[in-house]
């Protein structure tokens, strides 16, 4: 049973959510509602699976340990109207309205839905790849992005730990170019469900078996290395959903197994305080606590 769960959970949850989103919209659900409900619903089986087949038992936590990331999820979502667990759907629906009114009409709306969805993911991922890579290469952007990397456990709600400005920039890279091309709101919503559910899957503390999915998707196997406490390892695997552009531009890192530790490594760590996280882009190196003596060297 555990082996079957380890192999089935990734494709069933990911592709099942996309299929459910399309069906619900076809019977009259608002795209924003489909996005919010399905991403929230996807967290439930992953929370249960973390207790049954954890990837690392030491990454388990009690509900009180989730408080900082739940706060991130709620406040970032309400503040930016873009955080995918609560209000990403509104951003996508708004982008869809922009697309229909101002889009330049280059999008192949006559293509089948699945083909449009694949093209939207490829285009959105290309821009998001370079934005994410810039977060790691440009010091002022790293100060924003370091909040996301400050989590020292990989589990479902670690996906929510983001500075609001980081969330706005990343989601804008996904959504706004597609809207400008004239992508229908339904395709934007499918992309939103894909991004949100996949973000939960790649951060979850579940012993998933990905197999050939590692060739195309930025699975937890790859994304854990992106969160490594060793900077040379974390400066890889920039794809949010796909690992395709990392393969094209030579930034894939998948040596097998998992990193010894995740977090900011030798840079230290951020206190588990939301106000500190908000201030991090301006005072990051003053706020960092010293790295533990056992931290892996860069």
C-alpha atoms as a PDB file:
ATOM      1  CA  UNK A   1       0.000   0.000   0.000  1.00  0.00           C
ATOM      2  CA  UNK A   2       2.758   2.446   0.908  1.00  0.00           C
ATOM      3  CA  UNK A   3       4.664   1.655  -2.291  1.00  0.00           C
ATOM      4  CA  UNK A   4       1.559   2.186  -4.402  1.00  0.00           C
ATOM      5  CA  UNK A   5       0.946   5.525  -2.668  1.00  0.00           C
ATOM      6  CA  UNK A   6       4.547   6.596  -3.254  1.00  0.00           C
ATOM      7  CA  UNK A   7       4.246   5.961  -7.012  1.00  0.00           C
ATOM      8  CA  UNK A   8       0.656   7.111  -7.561  1.00  0.00           C
ATOM      9  CA  UNK A   9       0.309  10.253  -5.449  1.00  0.00           C
ATOM     10  CA  UNK A  10       2.291  12.594  -7.721  1.00  0.00           C
ATOM     11  CA  UNK A  11       0.561  11.881 -11.060  1.00  0.00           C
ATOM     12  CA  UNK A  12      -2.901  11.305  -9.583  1.00  0.00           C
ATOM     13  CA  UNK A  13      -2.916  14.514  -7.540  1.00  0.00           C
ATOM     14  CA  UNK A  14      -1.293  16.678 -10.222  1.00  0.00           C
ATOM     15  CA  UNK A  15      -3.158  15.541 -13.317  1.00  0.00           C
ATOM     16  CA  UNK A  16      -6.344  14.804 -11.392  1.00  0.00           C
ATOM     17  CA  UNK A  17      -6.435  18.413 -10.163  1.00  0.00           C
ATOM     18  CA  UNK A  18      -5.967  19.758 -13.691  1.00  0.00           C
ATOM     19  CA  UNK A  19      -8.706  17.476 -15.028  1.00  0.00           C
ATOM     20  CA  UNK A  20     -11.048  18.427 -12.191  1.00  0.00           C
ATOM     21  CA  UNK A  21     -10.417  22.125 -12.838  1.00  0.00           C
ATOM     22  CA  UNK A  22     -11.316  21.799 -16.494  1.00  0.00           C
ATOM     23  CA  UNK A  23     -14.476  19.776 -15.723  1.00  0.00           C
ATOM     24  CA  UNK A  24     -15.654  22.200 -13.043  1.00  0.00           C
ATOM     25  CA  UNK A  25     -15.157  25.202 -15.307  1.00  0.00           C
ATOM     26  CA  UNK A  26     -17.015  23.394 -18.099  1.00  0.00           C
ATOM     27  CA  UNK A  27     -20.074  23.025 -15.858  1.00  0.00           C
ATOM     28  CA  UNK A  28     -20.077  26.657 -14.797  1.00  0.00           C
ATOM     29  CA  UNK A  29     -17.584  27.101 -11.935  1.00  0.00           C
ATOM     30  CA  UNK A  30     -15.796  30.425 -11.894  1.00  0.00           C
ATOM     31  CA  UNK A  31     -12.101  29.926 -12.778  1.00  0.00           C
ATOM     32  CA  UNK A  32     -11.017  31.713  -9.594  1.00  0.00           C
ATOM     33  CA  UNK A  33     -13.083  29.345  -7.447  1.00  0.00           C
ATOM     34  CA  UNK A  34     -11.728  26.260  -9.217  1.00  0.00           C
ATOM     35  CA  UNK A  35      -8.140  27.413  -8.650  1.00  0.00           C
ATOM     36  CA  UNK A  36      -8.587  28.199  -4.952  1.00  0.00           C
ATOM     37  CA  UNK A  37     -10.633  25.131  -4.063  1.00  0.00           C
ATOM     38  CA  UNK A  38      -8.463  22.600  -5.877  1.00  0.00           C
ATOM     39  CA  UNK A  39      -5.144  23.900  -4.573  1.00  0.00           C
ATOM     40  CA  UNK A  40      -6.486  23.950  -1.034  1.00  0.00           C
ATOM     41  CA  UNK A  41      -7.966  20.472  -1.441  1.00  0.00           C
ATOM     42  CA  UNK A  42      -4.660  19.102  -2.759  1.00  0.00           C
ATOM     43  CA  UNK A  43      -2.931  19.968   0.514  1.00  0.00           C
ATOM     44  CA  UNK A  44      -5.128  17.549   2.486  1.00  0.00           C
ATOM     45  CA  UNK A  45      -3.899  14.192   1.095  1.00  0.00           C
ATOM     46  CA  UNK A  46      -0.322  15.497   1.190  1.00  0.00           C
ATOM     47  CA  UNK A  47      -0.620  16.435   4.869  1.00  0.00           C
ATOM     48  CA  UNK A  48      -1.864  12.913   5.576  1.00  0.00           C
ATOM     49  CA  UNK A  49       0.820  11.274   3.412  1.00  0.00           C
ATOM     50  CA  UNK A  50       3.535  13.187   5.288  1.00  0.00           C
ATOM     51  CA  UNK A  51       2.511  11.265   8.395  1.00  0.00           C
ATOM     52  CA  UNK A  52       2.362   7.868   6.662  1.00  0.00           C
ATOM     53  CA  UNK A  53       5.365   7.900   4.300  1.00  0.00           C
ATOM     54  CA  UNK A  54       7.605  10.852   5.213  1.00  0.00           C
ATOM     55  CA  UNK A  55      10.681  11.459   3.104  1.00  0.00           C
ATOM     56  CA  UNK A  56      12.540  12.403   6.288  1.00  0.00           C
ATOM     57  CA  UNK A  57      11.047  11.812   9.744  1.00  0.00           C
ATOM     58  CA  UNK A  58      13.008  14.762  11.164  1.00  0.00           C
ATOM     59  CA  UNK A  59      11.089  17.118   8.866  1.00  0.00           C
ATOM     60  CA  UNK A  60       7.810  16.186  10.532  1.00  0.00           C
ATOM     61  CA  UNK A  61       6.154  18.839  12.633  1.00  0.00           C
ATOM     62  CA  UNK A  62       3.192  19.459  14.856  1.00  0.00           C
ATOM     63  CA  UNK A  63       0.515  22.022  13.935  1.00  0.00           C
ATOM     64  CA  UNK A  64       2.168  24.657  16.146  1.00  0.00           C
ATOM     65  CA  UNK A  65       5.311  24.302  14.023  1.00  0.00           C
ATOM     66  CA  UNK A  66       3.336  25.334  10.929  1.00  0.00           C
ATOM     67  CA  UNK A  67       2.199  28.670  12.334  1.00  0.00           C
ATOM     68  CA  UNK A  68       4.819  30.857  10.625  1.00  0.00           C
ATOM     69  CA  UNK A  69       4.178  29.340   7.205  1.00  0.00           C
ATOM     70  CA  UNK A  70       0.404  29.433   7.613  1.00  0.00           C
ATOM     71  CA  UNK A  71       0.810  33.105   8.474  1.00  0.00           C
ATOM     72  CA  UNK A  72       2.845  33.570   5.297  1.00  0.00           C
ATOM     73  CA  UNK A  73       0.155  31.797   3.316  1.00  0.00           C
ATOM     74  CA  UNK A  74      -2.636  33.957   4.678  1.00  0.00           C
ATOM     75  CA  UNK A  75      -0.995  37.394   4.844  1.00  0.00           C
ATOM     76  CA  UNK A  76       0.935  37.163   1.592  1.00  0.00           C
ATOM     77  CA  UNK A  77      -2.191  36.009  -0.170  1.00  0.00           C
ATOM     78  CA  UNK A  78      -4.379  38.760   1.230  1.00  0.00           C
ATOM     79  CA  UNK A  79      -1.731  41.428   0.719  1.00  0.00           C
ATOM     80  CA  UNK A  80      -0.798  40.627  -2.881  1.00  0.00           C
ATOM     81  CA  UNK A  81      -3.988  38.981  -4.193  1.00  0.00           C
ATOM     82  CA  UNK A  82      -1.552  36.582  -5.758  1.00  0.00           C
ATOM     83  CA  UNK A  83      -0.526  33.899  -3.324  1.00  0.00           C
ATOM     84  CA  UNK A  84      -1.673  30.665  -4.882  1.00  0.00           C
ATOM     85  CA  UNK A  85      -3.252  28.959  -1.886  1.00  0.00           C
ATOM     86  CA  UNK A  86      -5.795  31.708  -1.169  1.00  0.00           C
ATOM     87  CA  UNK A  87      -6.175  34.283  -3.908  1.00  0.00           C
ATOM     88  CA  UNK A  88      -4.137  33.211  -6.926  1.00  0.00           C
ATOM     89  CA  UNK A  89      -7.400  32.491  -8.726  1.00  0.00           C
ATOM     90  CA  UNK A  90      -8.344  36.181  -8.565  1.00  0.00           C
ATOM     91  CA  UNK A  91      -5.074  37.136 -10.194  1.00  0.00           C
ATOM     92  CA  UNK A  92      -5.642  34.648 -12.988  1.00  0.00           C
ATOM     93  CA  UNK A  93      -9.213  35.751 -13.544  1.00  0.00           C
ATOM     94  CA  UNK A  94      -8.136  39.380 -13.598  1.00  0.00           C
ATOM     95  CA  UNK A  95      -5.396  38.518 -16.069  1.00  0.00           C
ATOM     96  CA  UNK A  96      -7.982  36.705 -18.175  1.00  0.00           C
ATOM     97  CA  UNK A  97     -10.164  39.805 -18.286  1.00  0.00           C
ATOM     98  CA  UNK A  98      -7.114  41.861 -19.304  1.00  0.00           C
ATOM     99  CA  UNK A  99      -6.295  39.275 -21.949  1.00  0.00           C
ATOM    100  CA  UNK A 100      -9.760  39.379 -23.482  1.00  0.00           C
ATOM    101  CA  UNK A 101      -9.859  43.177 -23.603  1.00  0.00           C
ATOM    102  CA  UNK A 102      -6.249  44.157 -24.341  1.00  0.00           C
ATOM    103  CA  UNK A 103      -4.478  40.955 -25.468  1.00  0.00           C
ATOM    104  CA  UNK A 104      -2.630  41.301 -28.763  1.00  0.00           C
ATOM    105  CA  UNK A 105      -4.330  38.243 -30.216  1.00  0.00           C
ATOM    106  CA  UNK A 106      -1.271  36.111 -30.956  1.00  0.00           C
ATOM    107  CA  UNK A 107      -2.515  33.158 -28.928  1.00  0.00           C
ATOM    108  CA  UNK A 108      -3.695  30.093 -30.947  1.00  0.00           C
ATOM    109  CA  UNK A 109      -7.191  29.938 -29.441  1.00  0.00           C
ATOM    110  CA  UNK A 110      -8.274  27.450 -32.146  1.00  0.00           C
ATOM    111  CA  UNK A 111      -5.901  24.789 -30.759  1.00  0.00           C
ATOM    112  CA  UNK A 112      -7.246  22.008 -28.522  1.00  0.00           C
ATOM    113  CA  UNK A 113      -7.350  22.885 -24.826  1.00  0.00           C
ATOM    114  CA  UNK A 114      -4.560  20.463 -23.926  1.00  0.00           C
ATOM    115  CA  UNK A 115      -2.259  21.966 -26.578  1.00  0.00           C
ATOM    116  CA  UNK A 116      -2.966  25.505 -25.361  1.00  0.00           C
ATOM    117  CA  UNK A 117      -2.328  24.422 -21.772  1.00  0.00           C
ATOM    118  CA  UNK A 118       1.038  22.851 -22.664  1.00  0.00           C
ATOM    119  CA  UNK A 119       2.084  25.949 -24.626  1.00  0.00           C
ATOM    120  CA  UNK A 120       1.036  28.233 -21.749  1.00  0.00           C
ATOM    121  CA  UNK A 121       3.127  26.208 -19.287  1.00  0.00           C
ATOM    122  CA  UNK A 122       6.170  26.291 -21.586  1.00  0.00           C
ATOM    123  CA  UNK A 123       5.939  30.055 -22.134  1.00  0.00           C
ATOM    124  CA  UNK A 124       5.232  30.879 -18.485  1.00  0.00           C
ATOM    125  CA  UNK A 125       7.998  28.593 -17.258  1.00  0.00           C
ATOM    126  CA  UNK A 126      10.594  30.149 -19.565  1.00  0.00           C
ATOM    127  CA  UNK A 127      10.096  33.616 -18.104  1.00  0.00           C
ATOM    128  CA  UNK A 128       9.742  32.322 -14.546  1.00  0.00           C
ATOM    129  CA  UNK A 129      12.980  30.324 -14.950  1.00  0.00           C
ATOM    130  CA  UNK A 130      14.947  33.484 -15.695  1.00  0.00           C
ATOM    131  CA  UNK A 131      13.213  35.416 -12.926  1.00  0.00           C
ATOM    132  CA  UNK A 132      14.032  32.648 -10.448  1.00  0.00           C
ATOM    133  CA  UNK A 133      17.623  32.455 -11.670  1.00  0.00           C
ATOM    134  CA  UNK A 134      17.905  36.230 -11.254  1.00  0.00           C
ATOM    135  CA  UNK A 135      16.727  35.892  -7.641  1.00  0.00           C
ATOM    136  CA  UNK A 136      19.838  33.798  -7.007  1.00  0.00           C
ATOM    137  CA  UNK A 137      22.273  35.848  -9.086  1.00  0.00           C
ATOM    138  CA  UNK A 138      21.377  39.481  -8.258  1.00  0.00           C
ATOM    139  CA  UNK A 139      22.077  40.422  -4.616  1.00  0.00           C
ATOM    140  CA  UNK A 140      19.101  42.755  -4.157  1.00  0.00           C
ATOM    141  CA  UNK A 141      16.737  40.080  -5.489  1.00  0.00           C
ATOM    142  CA  UNK A 142      18.361  37.390  -3.347  1.00  0.00           C
ATOM    143  CA  UNK A 143      17.435  39.424  -0.262  1.00  0.00           C
ATOM    144  CA  UNK A 144      13.801  38.979  -1.305  1.00  0.00           C
ATOM    145  CA  UNK A 145      14.124  35.329  -2.196  1.00  0.00           C
ATOM    146  CA  UNK A 146      16.158  34.297   0.849  1.00  0.00           C
ATOM    147  CA  UNK A 147      12.941  34.247   2.906  1.00  0.00           C
ATOM    148  CA  UNK A 148      11.686  31.303   0.865  1.00  0.00           C
ATOM    149  CA  UNK A 149      14.981  29.481   1.388  1.00  0.00           C
ATOM    150  CA  UNK A 150      14.996  30.107   5.128  1.00  0.00           C
ATOM    151  CA  UNK A 151      12.790  27.079   5.849  1.00  0.00           C
ATOM    152  CA  UNK A 152      14.921  24.339   7.413  1.00  0.00           C
ATOM    153  CA  UNK A 153      12.384  21.615   6.687  1.00  0.00           C
ATOM    154  CA  UNK A 154      10.796  20.670   3.386  1.00  0.00           C
ATOM    155  CA  UNK A 155       7.097  20.030   3.902  1.00  0.00           C
ATOM    156  CA  UNK A 156       3.798  21.052   2.286  1.00  0.00           C
ATOM    157  CA  UNK A 157       3.453  24.522   3.797  1.00  0.00           C
ATOM    158  CA  UNK A 158       7.098  25.438   3.139  1.00  0.00           C
ATOM    159  CA  UNK A 159       5.802  26.346  -0.320  1.00  0.00           C
ATOM    160  CA  UNK A 160       3.928  29.223   1.307  1.00  0.00           C
ATOM    161  CA  UNK A 161       6.995  30.879   2.848  1.00  0.00           C
ATOM    162  CA  UNK A 162       7.554  33.828   0.553  1.00  0.00           C
ATOM    163  CA  UNK A 163       8.033  37.537   0.845  1.00  0.00           C
ATOM    164  CA  UNK A 164       5.006  39.293  -0.729  1.00  0.00           C
ATOM    165  CA  UNK A 165       7.197  41.096  -3.270  1.00  0.00           C
ATOM    166  CA  UNK A 166       8.793  37.785  -4.246  1.00  0.00           C
ATOM    167  CA  UNK A 167       5.315  36.316  -4.829  1.00  0.00           C
ATOM    168  CA  UNK A 168       4.198  39.265  -6.938  1.00  0.00           C
ATOM    169  CA  UNK A 169       7.291  39.189  -9.141  1.00  0.00           C
ATOM    170  CA  UNK A 170       7.209  35.436  -9.710  1.00  0.00           C
ATOM    171  CA  UNK A 171       3.493  35.209 -10.424  1.00  0.00           C
ATOM    172  CA  UNK A 172       3.680  38.238 -12.706  1.00  0.00           C
ATOM    173  CA  UNK A 173       6.302  36.454 -14.780  1.00  0.00           C
ATOM    174  CA  UNK A 174       3.915  33.533 -15.178  1.00  0.00           C
ATOM    175  CA  UNK A 175       0.676  35.379 -15.788  1.00  0.00           C
ATOM    176  CA  UNK A 176       1.148  38.814 -17.348  1.00  0.00           C
ATOM    177  CA  UNK A 177       3.009  37.780 -20.543  1.00  0.00           C
ATOM    178  CA  UNK A 178       0.380  35.102 -21.165  1.00  0.00           C
ATOM    179  CA  UNK A 179      -2.398  37.627 -20.635  1.00  0.00           C
ATOM    180  CA  UNK A 180      -0.707  40.029 -23.049  1.00  0.00           C
ATOM    181  CA  UNK A 181      -0.659  37.294 -25.686  1.00  0.00           C
ATOM    182  CA  UNK A 182      -4.407  36.810 -25.367  1.00  0.00           C
ATOM    183  CA  UNK A 183      -4.556  33.523 -23.444  1.00  0.00           C
ATOM    184  CA  UNK A 184      -8.158  32.602 -22.460  1.00  0.00           C
ATOM    185  CA  UNK A 185      -8.967  32.789 -18.754  1.00  0.00           C
ATOM    186  CA  UNK A 186      -9.697  29.042 -18.636  1.00  0.00           C
ATOM    187  CA  UNK A 187      -6.171  28.237 -19.798  1.00  0.00           C
ATOM    188  CA  UNK A 188      -4.742  30.679 -17.273  1.00  0.00           C
ATOM    189  CA  UNK A 189      -6.762  28.970 -14.552  1.00  0.00           C
ATOM    190  CA  UNK A 190      -5.517  25.516 -15.576  1.00  0.00           C
ATOM    191  CA  UNK A 191      -1.971  26.879 -15.421  1.00  0.00           C
ATOM    192  CA  UNK A 192      -2.750  28.269 -11.965  1.00  0.00           C
ATOM    193  CA  UNK A 193      -3.966  24.917 -10.666  1.00  0.00           C
ATOM    194  CA  UNK A 194      -0.908  23.208 -12.140  1.00  0.00           C
ATOM    195  CA  UNK A 195       1.484  25.696 -10.542  1.00  0.00           C
ATOM    196  CA  UNK A 196      -0.223  25.654  -7.149  1.00  0.00           C
ATOM    197  CA  UNK A 197      -0.615  21.898  -6.799  1.00  0.00           C
ATOM    198  CA  UNK A 198       2.859  21.264  -8.147  1.00  0.00           C
ATOM    199  CA  UNK A 199       4.311  23.707  -5.620  1.00  0.00           C
ATOM    200  CA  UNK A 200       2.795  21.654  -2.803  1.00  0.00           C
ATOM    201  CA  UNK A 201       4.092  18.405  -4.313  1.00  0.00           C
ATOM    202  CA  UNK A 202       7.651  19.636  -4.779  1.00  0.00           C
ATOM    203  CA  UNK A 203       7.919  20.921  -1.211  1.00  0.00           C
ATOM    204  CA  UNK A 204       6.079  18.086   0.561  1.00  0.00           C
ATOM    205  CA  UNK A 205       7.770  15.765   3.043  1.00  0.00           C
ATOM    206  CA  UNK A 206       6.493  12.629   1.314  1.00  0.00           C
ATOM    207  CA  UNK A 207       8.608   9.736   0.064  1.00  0.00           C
ATOM    208  CA  UNK A 208       7.316  10.016  -3.496  1.00  0.00           C
ATOM    209  CA  UNK A 209       8.604   7.932  -6.400  1.00  0.00           C
ATOM    210  CA  UNK A 210       8.833  10.113  -9.486  1.00  0.00           C
ATOM    211  CA  UNK A 211      10.584   7.885 -12.022  1.00  0.00           C
ATOM    212  CA  UNK A 212      10.592   9.371 -15.505  1.00  0.00           C
ATOM    213  CA  UNK A 213       8.727  12.487 -14.289  1.00  0.00           C
ATOM    214  CA  UNK A 214      12.157  13.724 -13.130  1.00  0.00           C
ATOM    215  CA  UNK A 215      13.101  14.122 -16.800  1.00  0.00           C
ATOM    216  CA  UNK A 216      10.550  16.863 -17.414  1.00  0.00           C
ATOM    217  CA  UNK A 217       9.070  18.126 -14.141  1.00  0.00           C
ATOM    218  CA  UNK A 218      10.742  19.990 -11.261  1.00  0.00           C
ATOM    219  CA  UNK A 219       9.779  17.295  -8.763  1.00  0.00           C
ATOM    220  CA  UNK A 220      10.625  17.132  -5.063  1.00  0.00           C
ATOM    221  CA  UNK A 221      13.678  15.022  -5.973  1.00  0.00           C
ATOM    222  CA  UNK A 222      15.107  18.052  -7.779  1.00  0.00           C
ATOM    223  CA  UNK A 223      13.602  20.846  -5.730  1.00  0.00           C
ATOM    224  CA  UNK A 224      15.054  19.607  -2.438  1.00  0.00           C
ATOM    225  CA  UNK A 225      18.498  20.165  -3.930  1.00  0.00           C
ATOM    226  CA  UNK A 226      17.408  23.682  -4.861  1.00  0.00           C
ATOM    227  CA  UNK A 227      16.769  24.247  -1.136  1.00  0.00           C
ATOM    228  CA  UNK A 228      20.101  22.770  -0.071  1.00  0.00           C
ATOM    229  CA  UNK A 229      22.043  24.650   2.593  1.00  0.00           C
ATOM    230  CA  UNK A 230      25.085  24.486   0.288  1.00  0.00           C
ATOM    231  CA  UNK A 231      24.833  27.474  -2.033  1.00  0.00           C
ATOM    232  CA  UNK A 232      26.526  25.735  -4.966  1.00  0.00           C
ATOM    233  CA  UNK A 233      23.768  23.122  -4.848  1.00  0.00           C
ATOM    234  CA  UNK A 234      20.878  25.521  -4.292  1.00  0.00           C
ATOM    235  CA  UNK A 235      21.928  27.626  -7.291  1.00  0.00           C
ATOM    236  CA  UNK A 236      20.471  24.930  -9.563  1.00  0.00           C
ATOM    237  CA  UNK A 237      17.066  23.518 -10.571  1.00  0.00           C
ATOM    238  CA  UNK A 238      15.384  26.898 -11.060  1.00  0.00           C
ATOM    239  CA  UNK A 239      12.283  25.571 -12.806  1.00  0.00           C
ATOM    240  CA  UNK A 240       9.100  26.122 -10.833  1.00  0.00           C
ATOM    241  CA  UNK A 241       7.131  23.367 -12.543  1.00  0.00           C
ATOM    242  CA  UNK A 242       9.301  22.050 -15.371  1.00  0.00           C
ATOM    243  CA  UNK A 243      12.960  21.101 -15.344  1.00  0.00           C
ATOM    244  CA  UNK A 244      13.062  21.532 -19.151  1.00  0.00           C
ATOM    245  CA  UNK A 245      14.691  24.967 -19.204  1.00  0.00           C
ATOM    246  CA  UNK A 246      17.264  23.873 -16.612  1.00  0.00           C
ATOM    247  CA  UNK A 247      18.212  21.071 -18.991  1.00  0.00           C
ATOM    248  CA  UNK A 248      18.426  23.490 -21.916  1.00  0.00           C
ATOM    249  CA  UNK A 249      20.585  25.993 -20.004  1.00  0.00           C
ATOM    250  CA  UNK A 250      22.660  23.499 -17.996  1.00  0.00           C
ATOM    251  CA  UNK A 251      21.460  24.160 -14.456  1.00  0.00           C
ATOM    252  CA  UNK A 252      20.102  20.695 -13.561  1.00  0.00           C
ATOM    253  CA  UNK A 253      21.449  19.052 -10.399  1.00  0.00           C
ATOM    254  CA  UNK A 254      20.197  15.591  -9.429  1.00  0.00           C
ATOM    255  CA  UNK A 255      22.969  13.503  -7.831  1.00  0.00           C
ATOM    256  CA  UNK A 256      20.522  11.157  -6.113  1.00  0.00           C
ATOM    257  CA  UNK A 257      19.379  11.052  -2.521  1.00  0.00           C
ATOM    258  CA  UNK A 258      18.658  14.279  -0.646  1.00  0.00           C
ATOM    259  CA  UNK A 259      20.784  17.186   0.603  1.00  0.00           C
ATOM    260  CA  UNK A 260      22.196  16.850   4.103  1.00  0.00           C
ATOM    261  CA  UNK A 261      20.339  19.971   5.213  1.00  0.00           C
ATOM    262  CA  UNK A 262      18.100  22.630   3.697  1.00  0.00           C
ATOM    263  CA  UNK A 263      17.941  26.315   4.493  1.00  0.00           C
ATOM    264  CA  UNK A 264      20.414  29.178   4.217  1.00  0.00           C
ATOM    265  CA  UNK A 265      23.372  27.047   5.312  1.00  0.00           C
ATOM    266  CA  UNK A 266      26.539  28.965   6.115  1.00  0.00           C
ATOM    267  CA  UNK A 267      24.659  32.247   5.769  1.00  0.00           C
ATOM    268  CA  UNK A 268      22.859  31.315   8.974  1.00  0.00           C
ATOM    269  CA  UNK A 269      19.109  31.388   9.464  1.00  0.00           C
ATOM    270  CA  UNK A 270      16.189  33.737   9.926  1.00  0.00           C
ATOM    271  CA  UNK A 271      14.201  33.815  13.171  1.00  0.00           C
ATOM    272  CA  UNK A 272      10.720  32.288  12.897  1.00  0.00           C
ATOM    273  CA  UNK A 273       9.082  35.688  13.058  1.00  0.00           C
ATOM    274  CA  UNK A 274       6.873  37.095  10.310  1.00  0.00           C
ATOM    275  CA  UNK A 275       7.870  40.724  10.879  1.00  0.00           C
ATOM    276  CA  UNK A 276      11.521  39.722  10.608  1.00  0.00           C
ATOM    277  CA  UNK A 277      10.741  37.980   7.311  1.00  0.00           C
ATOM    278  CA  UNK A 278       9.055  41.129   6.002  1.00  0.00           C
ATOM    279  CA  UNK A 279      12.126  43.172   6.925  1.00  0.00           C
ATOM    280  CA  UNK A 280      14.610  40.663   5.461  1.00  0.00           C
ATOM    281  CA  UNK A 281      14.983  42.325   2.022  1.00  0.00           C
ATOM    282  CA  UNK A 282      16.203  45.497   3.723  1.00  0.00           C
ATOM    283  CA  UNK A 283      18.201  44.097   6.676  1.00  0.00           C
ATOM    284  CA  UNK A 284      18.903  40.470   5.723  1.00  0.00           C
ATOM    285  CA  UNK A 285      22.481  40.194   6.950  1.00  0.00           C
ATOM    286  CA  UNK A 286      21.721  41.985  10.208  1.00  0.00           C
ATOM    287  CA  UNK A 287      18.814  39.644  10.921  1.00  0.00           C
ATOM    288  CA  UNK A 288      20.519  36.333  10.163  1.00  0.00           C
ATOM    289  CA  UNK A 289      21.422  34.264  13.206  1.00  0.00           C
ATOM    290  CA  UNK A 290      24.791  32.425  13.119  1.00  0.00           C
ATOM    291  CA  UNK A 291      24.927  29.139  11.257  1.00  0.00           C
ATOM    292  CA  UNK A 292      25.247  26.039  13.449  1.00  0.00           C
ATOM    293  CA  UNK A 293      28.693  24.490  13.736  1.00  0.00           C
ATOM    294  CA  UNK A 294      27.529  21.424  11.795  1.00  0.00           C
ATOM    295  CA  UNK A 295      26.455  23.427   8.743  1.00  0.00           C
ATOM    296  CA  UNK A 296      27.754  21.996   5.472  1.00  0.00           C
ATOM    297  CA  UNK A 297      30.516  24.055   3.861  1.00  0.00           C
ATOM    298  CA  UNK A 298      29.877  25.847   0.614  1.00  0.00           C
END
